[in-house]
Amino acid sequence: MSMAKRIVNKSLSNSRLTAGGKRRLEKLSRRPDDEIDTSDIPELAEKFWQNAVRNPFYRPVKQQLTLRLDADIIAWLRRQGRGYQTRANALLREAMLGDLKPKERDGRERSYSRIPRRGKRNRSQQAH
């Protein structure tokens, strides 16, 4: 017996709006930002952002895939106990965020000469 998964997709974009409501939202979206009165909204100082934390309820969507890793890397992750896949994900996320930060700062891409890029294979990979 297979268990069917129930997928729930709820967002503001697919909520039921009246035709009049849709027209008003469309009209608002076309207004330039300088026409919007924000005088009743206080400016957020830099101090506010210093204490900001990521939403504790945020969970990124996981995607199952097959990934070939070197045996010694898997052994190293597993030696640390349960949760080796979570640790691998955290290491990859840390590398990704580190890669994105300099790019956002100066607009240039980081170069990892030892990391093969998509579409480029070395001779040992071509034999397989």
Protein backbone atom coordinates (compact mmCIF):
# COMPACT_ATOMS: atom_id res chain seq x y z
CA MET A 1 0.00 0.00 0.00
CA SER A 2 1.58 3.32 -1.03
CA MET A 3 1.10 6.44 0.96
CA ALA A 4 0.05 9.42 -1.13
CA LYS A 5 1.69 12.71 -0.23
CA ARG A 6 -0.55 15.69 0.16
CA ILE A 7 1.01 18.81 -1.27
CA VAL A 8 -0.24 22.10 0.08
CA ASN A 9 0.49 25.21 -1.94
CA LYS A 10 -0.74 28.34 -0.23
CA SER A 11 0.47 31.82 -1.05
CA LEU A 12 -0.94 35.27 -1.52
CA SER A 13 -0.50 34.95 -5.27
CA ASN A 14 -3.08 32.16 -5.51
CA SER A 15 -5.57 33.48 -2.95
CA ARG A 16 -9.01 34.43 -4.18
CA LEU A 17 -9.31 38.10 -5.01
CA THR A 18 -12.27 39.83 -6.46
CA ALA A 19 -11.90 41.37 -9.92
CA GLY A 20 -11.99 44.82 -8.31
CA GLY A 21 -9.30 43.83 -5.82
CA LYS A 22 -7.08 42.58 -8.61
CA ARG A 23 -7.54 45.85 -10.52
CA ARG A 24 -6.63 47.92 -7.44
CA LEU A 25 -3.50 45.84 -6.81
CA GLU A 26 -2.46 46.09 -10.45
CA LYS A 27 -2.92 49.88 -10.36
CA LEU A 28 -0.86 50.12 -7.16
CA SER A 29 1.95 48.00 -8.61
CA ARG A 30 2.34 50.46 -11.51
CA ARG A 31 2.85 53.48 -9.21
CA PRO A 32 6.42 54.78 -8.90
CA ASP A 33 8.01 54.36 -5.46
CA ASP A 34 8.37 58.12 -4.95
CA GLU A 35 4.55 58.48 -5.03
CA ILE A 36 4.10 56.14 -2.09
CA ASP A 37 3.73 57.95 1.25
CA THR A 38 5.95 56.19 3.79
CA SER A 39 5.93 59.02 6.36
CA ASP A 40 4.08 56.85 8.88
CA ILE A 41 6.74 54.11 8.69
CA PRO A 42 9.82 54.75 10.85
CA GLU A 43 13.27 54.34 9.31
CA LEU A 44 15.16 51.29 10.55
CA ALA A 45 18.55 52.23 11.96
CA GLU A 46 21.66 50.09 11.47
CA LYS A 47 21.36 49.07 15.14
CA PHE A 48 18.10 47.25 14.34
CA TRP A 49 19.84 45.03 11.79
CA GLN A 50 22.76 44.25 14.13
CA ASN A 51 20.38 42.31 16.37
CA ALA A 52 18.37 40.71 13.57
CA VAL A 53 18.24 36.91 13.41
CA ARG A 54 17.09 34.54 10.71
CA ASN A 55 13.54 33.29 11.11
CA PRO A 56 13.88 30.28 13.46
CA PHE A 57 10.99 28.57 11.66
CA TYR A 58 12.60 28.85 8.20
CA ARG A 59 13.43 25.49 6.65
CA PRO A 60 14.85 25.37 3.13
CA VAL A 61 13.21 22.95 0.74
CA LYS A 62 15.23 19.74 0.52
CA GLN A 63 15.75 17.90 -2.74
CA GLN A 64 16.74 14.27 -2.89
CA LEU A 65 19.51 13.42 -5.33
CA THR A 66 22.38 11.05 -5.94
CA LEU A 67 25.77 12.60 -5.32
CA ARG A 68 29.09 10.83 -5.76
CA LEU A 69 31.61 11.79 -3.09
CA ASP A 70 35.07 10.44 -2.32
CA ALA A 71 34.98 7.50 0.11
CA ASP A 72 37.29 9.23 2.61
CA ILE A 73 34.97 12.25 2.78
CA ILE A 74 31.96 10.02 3.52
CA ALA A 75 33.97 8.11 6.14
CA TRP A 76 35.06 11.37 7.79
CA LEU A 77 31.47 12.66 7.94
CA ARG A 78 30.13 9.35 9.30
CA ARG A 79 32.84 9.09 11.97
CA GLN A 80 31.37 12.20 13.56
CA GLY A 81 28.15 10.33 14.35
CA ARG A 82 24.55 10.61 13.30
CA GLY A 83 23.53 13.39 10.93
CA TYR A 84 26.35 13.10 8.40
CA GLN A 85 24.09 14.25 5.56
CA THR A 86 23.04 17.30 7.55
CA ARG A 87 26.72 18.09 8.22
CA ALA A 88 27.54 17.70 4.51
CA ASN A 89 24.67 20.07 3.68
CA ALA A 90 25.94 22.60 6.26
CA LEU A 91 29.45 22.46 4.80
CA LEU A 92 28.12 23.00 1.28
CA ARG A 93 25.88 25.86 2.46
CA GLU A 94 28.83 27.53 4.20
CA ALA A 95 30.90 27.27 1.01
CA MET A 96 28.00 28.62 -1.06
CA LEU A 97 27.42 31.60 1.24
CA GLY A 98 31.15 32.32 1.33
CA ASP A 99 31.19 32.25 -2.45
CA LEU A 100 28.21 34.61 -2.70
CA LYS A 101 29.43 37.25 -0.22
CA PRO A 102 32.42 38.54 -2.21
CA LYS A 103 30.38 38.44 -5.43
CA GLU A 104 27.71 40.64 -3.84
CA ARG A 105 30.35 43.00 -2.45
CA ASP A 106 32.40 43.70 -5.57
CA GLY A 107 30.46 42.02 -8.39
CA ARG A 108 33.32 39.63 -9.27
CA GLU A 109 33.19 35.86 -9.19
CA ARG A 110 35.52 33.88 -6.97
CA SER A 111 37.79 31.41 -8.66
CA TYR A 112 38.20 27.90 -7.33
CA SER A 113 40.82 26.43 -9.62
CA ARG A 114 40.68 22.99 -7.93
CA ILE A 115 36.88 22.69 -8.13
CA PRO A 116 35.72 21.38 -11.53
CA ARG A 117 33.10 23.51 -13.19
CA ARG A 118 30.00 22.16 -14.91
CA GLY A 119 30.74 20.91 -18.40
CA LYS A 120 34.50 20.75 -17.87
CA ARG A 121 35.85 17.29 -17.09
CA ASN A 122 39.38 16.21 -16.51
CA ARG A 123 40.87 13.11 -18.18
CA SER A 124 40.14 10.76 -15.26
CA GLN A 125 36.46 11.75 -15.34
CA GLN A 126 36.20 11.32 -19.11
CA ALA A 127 37.19 7.64 -18.87
CA HIS A 128 34.13 6.84 -16.72
